[in-house]
Amino acid sequence: MIVGMESADRSRVESSLAAMRAVAASVPEPSIACARLMCEAGWACAHGELQAAEQWAIQVFEAGTASGQPDAIATFGVLLFQVRYFQGRLGELVEQSVRVAGKPDGSSRPIMPRN
């Protein structure tokens, strides 16, 4: 999927996503589910479907948190950063970023986006 995204090969991305969906549906492994959700978010963002990308990002965070993924917060932050960047709303993340930066372990519960 990443190669397809980087080379703007829509068919490669879509076939990769279809394969990821099939694997995620048949293998109940949280890391696979999270990887699929991250790719869904990235693809939606690439298409300018920013509200959908934000919803995927929330699902990534929820699935990652529920399954104990150690990078769930960081992944959510990256995805939300991308969405807010394309929306022209990065300023909304300043307070949260400063709060996280001030903690030695970088931990913080993210402020969930408002629709």
C-alpha atoms as a PDB file:
ATOM      1  CA  MET A   1       0.000   0.000   0.000  1.00  0.00           C
ATOM      2  CA  ILE A   2       2.785   2.421   0.878  1.00  0.00           C
ATOM      3  CA  VAL A   3       4.448   1.912  -2.502  1.00  0.00           C
ATOM      4  CA  GLY A   4       1.101   2.523  -4.175  1.00  0.00           C
ATOM      5  CA  MET A   5       0.572   5.727  -2.179  1.00  0.00           C
ATOM      6  CA  GLU A   6       4.051   7.011  -2.926  1.00  0.00           C
ATOM      7  CA  SER A   7       3.774   6.263  -6.631  1.00  0.00           C
ATOM      8  CA  ALA A   8       0.155   7.482  -6.931  1.00  0.00           C
ATOM      9  CA  ASP A   9      -0.934   4.043  -8.098  1.00  0.00           C
ATOM     10  CA  ARG A  10      -4.599   3.968  -7.111  1.00  0.00           C
ATOM     11  CA  SER A  11      -5.174   0.370  -8.184  1.00  0.00           C
ATOM     12  CA  ARG A  12      -2.222  -0.833  -6.126  1.00  0.00           C
ATOM     13  CA  VAL A  13      -3.461   1.008  -3.045  1.00  0.00           C
ATOM     14  CA  GLU A  14      -7.005  -0.240  -3.465  1.00  0.00           C
ATOM     15  CA  SER A  15      -5.924  -3.849  -3.990  1.00  0.00           C
ATOM     16  CA  SER A  16      -3.618  -3.594  -0.979  1.00  0.00           C
ATOM     17  CA  LEU A  17      -6.440  -2.215   1.144  1.00  0.00           C
ATOM     18  CA  ALA A  18      -8.733  -5.023  -0.006  1.00  0.00           C
ATOM     19  CA  ALA A  19      -6.096  -7.574   0.989  1.00  0.00           C
ATOM     20  CA  MET A  20      -5.592  -5.876   4.355  1.00  0.00           C
ATOM     21  CA  ARG A  21      -9.332  -5.875   4.991  1.00  0.00           C
ATOM     22  CA  ALA A  22      -9.535  -9.584   4.207  1.00  0.00           C
ATOM     23  CA  VAL A  23      -6.619 -10.443   6.477  1.00  0.00           C
ATOM     24  CA  ALA A  24      -7.941  -8.253   9.298  1.00  0.00           C
ATOM     25  CA  ALA A  25     -11.365  -9.886   9.000  1.00  0.00           C
ATOM     26  CA  SER A  26      -9.944 -13.405   9.137  1.00  0.00           C
ATOM     27  CA  VAL A  27      -7.136 -12.964  11.680  1.00  0.00           C
ATOM     28  CA  PRO A  28      -8.266 -11.577  15.046  1.00  0.00           C
ATOM     29  CA  GLU A  29      -4.961  -9.861  15.814  1.00  0.00           C
ATOM     30  CA  PRO A  30      -5.214  -6.298  17.196  1.00  0.00           C
ATOM     31  CA  SER A  31      -1.999  -5.127  15.534  1.00  0.00           C
ATOM     32  CA  ILE A  32      -3.350  -6.164  12.125  1.00  0.00           C
ATOM     33  CA  ALA A  33      -6.608  -4.347  12.797  1.00  0.00           C
ATOM     34  CA  CYS A  34      -4.720  -1.208  13.840  1.00  0.00           C
ATOM     35  CA  ALA A  35      -2.464  -1.325  10.769  1.00  0.00           C
ATOM     36  CA  ARG A  36      -5.504  -1.603   8.509  1.00  0.00           C
ATOM     37  CA  LEU A  37      -7.225   1.306  10.238  1.00  0.00           C
ATOM     38  CA  MET A  38      -4.090   3.450   9.897  1.00  0.00           C
ATOM     39  CA  CYS A  39      -3.992   2.728   6.181  1.00  0.00           C
ATOM     40  CA  GLU A  40      -7.687   3.556   5.829  1.00  0.00           C
ATOM     41  CA  ALA A  41      -7.021   6.896   7.549  1.00  0.00           C
ATOM     42  CA  GLY A  42      -4.051   7.650   5.306  1.00  0.00           C
ATOM     43  CA  TRP A  43      -5.960   6.824   2.136  1.00  0.00           C
ATOM     44  CA  ALA A  44      -8.949   8.949   3.178  1.00  0.00           C
ATOM     45  CA  CYS A  45      -6.610  11.852   3.964  1.00  0.00           C
ATOM     46  CA  ALA A  46      -4.855  11.475   0.603  1.00  0.00           C
ATOM     47  CA  HIS A  47      -8.245  11.805  -1.086  1.00  0.00           C
ATOM     48  CA  GLY A  48      -9.144  14.893   0.882  1.00  0.00           C
ATOM     49  CA  GLU A  49     -11.832  13.008   2.794  1.00  0.00           C
ATOM     50  CA  LEU A  50     -10.758  14.686   6.001  1.00  0.00           C
ATOM     51  CA  GLN A  51     -13.805  13.935   8.121  1.00  0.00           C
ATOM     52  CA  ALA A  52     -13.526  10.245   7.218  1.00  0.00           C
ATOM     53  CA  ALA A  53      -9.779  10.334   7.935  1.00  0.00           C
ATOM     54  CA  GLU A  54     -10.497  11.819  11.357  1.00  0.00           C
ATOM     55  CA  GLN A  55     -13.037   9.097  12.106  1.00  0.00           C
ATOM     56  CA  TRP A  56     -10.516   6.429  11.052  1.00  0.00           C
ATOM     57  CA  ALA A  57      -7.928   8.079  13.320  1.00  0.00           C
ATOM     58  CA  ILE A  58     -10.323   7.872  16.259  1.00  0.00           C
ATOM     59  CA  GLN A  59     -10.919   4.203  15.482  1.00  0.00           C
ATOM     60  CA  VAL A  60      -7.157   3.612  15.368  1.00  0.00           C
ATOM     61  CA  PHE A  61      -6.810   5.204  18.795  1.00  0.00           C
ATOM     62  CA  GLU A  62      -9.728   3.267  20.281  1.00  0.00           C
ATOM     63  CA  ALA A  63      -8.610  -0.083  18.849  1.00  0.00           C
ATOM     64  CA  GLY A  64      -4.997   0.513  19.823  1.00  0.00           C
ATOM     65  CA  THR A  65      -5.863   1.591  23.346  1.00  0.00           C
ATOM     66  CA  ALA A  66      -8.275  -1.305  23.868  1.00  0.00           C
ATOM     67  CA  SER A  67      -5.645  -3.807  22.751  1.00  0.00           C
ATOM     68  CA  GLY A  68      -2.763  -2.255  24.679  1.00  0.00           C
ATOM     69  CA  GLN A  69      -0.824  -0.956  21.667  1.00  0.00           C
ATOM     70  CA  PRO A  70       1.984   1.145  23.208  1.00  0.00           C
ATOM     71  CA  ASP A  71       1.994   3.667  20.370  1.00  0.00           C
ATOM     72  CA  ALA A  72      -1.774   4.261  20.159  1.00  0.00           C
ATOM     73  CA  ILE A  73      -1.527   7.852  21.385  1.00  0.00           C
ATOM     74  CA  ALA A  74       1.414   8.722  19.139  1.00  0.00           C
ATOM     75  CA  THR A  75      -0.267   7.182  16.106  1.00  0.00           C
ATOM     76  CA  PHE A  76      -3.453   9.089  16.806  1.00  0.00           C
ATOM     77  CA  GLY A  77      -1.454  12.294  17.165  1.00  0.00           C
ATOM     78  CA  VAL A  78       0.247  11.823  13.806  1.00  0.00           C
ATOM     79  CA  LEU A  79      -3.019  11.051  12.033  1.00  0.00           C
ATOM     80  CA  LEU A  80      -4.831  13.964  13.657  1.00  0.00           C
ATOM     81  CA  PHE A  81      -1.897  16.258  12.807  1.00  0.00           C
ATOM     82  CA  GLN A  82      -2.281  15.336   9.124  1.00  0.00           C
ATOM     83  CA  VAL A  83      -6.017  15.980   9.179  1.00  0.00           C
ATOM     84  CA  ARG A  84      -5.692  19.300  11.009  1.00  0.00           C
ATOM     85  CA  TYR A  85      -2.889  20.377   8.673  1.00  0.00           C
ATOM     86  CA  PHE A  86      -5.046  19.906   5.587  1.00  0.00           C
ATOM     87  CA  GLN A  87      -7.981  21.575   7.337  1.00  0.00           C
ATOM     88  CA  GLY A  88      -5.817  24.601   8.180  1.00  0.00           C
ATOM     89  CA  ARG A  89      -6.506  23.968  11.886  1.00  0.00           C
ATOM     90  CA  LEU A  90      -3.097  23.024  13.331  1.00  0.00           C
ATOM     91  CA  GLY A  91      -3.434  25.727  15.976  1.00  0.00           C
ATOM     92  CA  GLU A  92      -5.961  23.514  17.761  1.00  0.00           C
ATOM     93  CA  LEU A  93      -3.170  21.067  18.607  1.00  0.00           C
ATOM     94  CA  VAL A  94      -0.764  23.551  20.187  1.00  0.00           C
ATOM     95  CA  GLU A  95      -2.003  23.228  23.785  1.00  0.00           C
ATOM     96  CA  GLN A  96      -2.016  19.427  23.649  1.00  0.00           C
ATOM     97  CA  SER A  97       1.441  19.335  22.050  1.00  0.00           C
ATOM     98  CA  VAL A  98       2.919  21.609  24.711  1.00  0.00           C
ATOM     99  CA  ARG A  99       1.357  19.492  27.457  1.00  0.00           C
ATOM    100  CA  VAL A 100       2.750  16.245  25.982  1.00  0.00           C
ATOM    101  CA  ALA A 101       6.174  17.800  25.378  1.00  0.00           C
ATOM    102  CA  GLY A 102       6.398  18.760  29.032  1.00  0.00           C
ATOM    103  CA  LYS A 103       6.024  15.180  30.285  1.00  0.00           C
ATOM    104  CA  PRO A 104       9.155  13.029  30.553  1.00  0.00           C
ATOM    105  CA  ASP A 105       7.441   9.984  29.032  1.00  0.00           C
ATOM    106  CA  GLY A 106       5.403  11.988  26.506  1.00  0.00           C
ATOM    107  CA  SER A 107       2.180  10.458  27.804  1.00  0.00           C
ATOM    108  CA  SER A 108      -1.113  12.240  27.678  1.00  0.00           C
ATOM    109  CA  ARG A 109      -4.656  11.287  26.880  1.00  0.00           C
ATOM    110  CA  PRO A 110      -5.458  13.116  23.654  1.00  0.00           C
ATOM    111  CA  ILE A 111      -8.325  15.537  23.397  1.00  0.00           C
ATOM    112  CA  MET A 112     -10.778  13.765  21.130  1.00  0.00           C
ATOM    113  CA  PRO A 113     -11.770  15.886  18.149  1.00  0.00           C
ATOM    114  CA  ARG A 114     -15.120  17.596  17.946  1.00  0.00           C
ATOM    115  CA  ASN A 115     -17.099  17.258  14.756  1.00  0.00           C
END
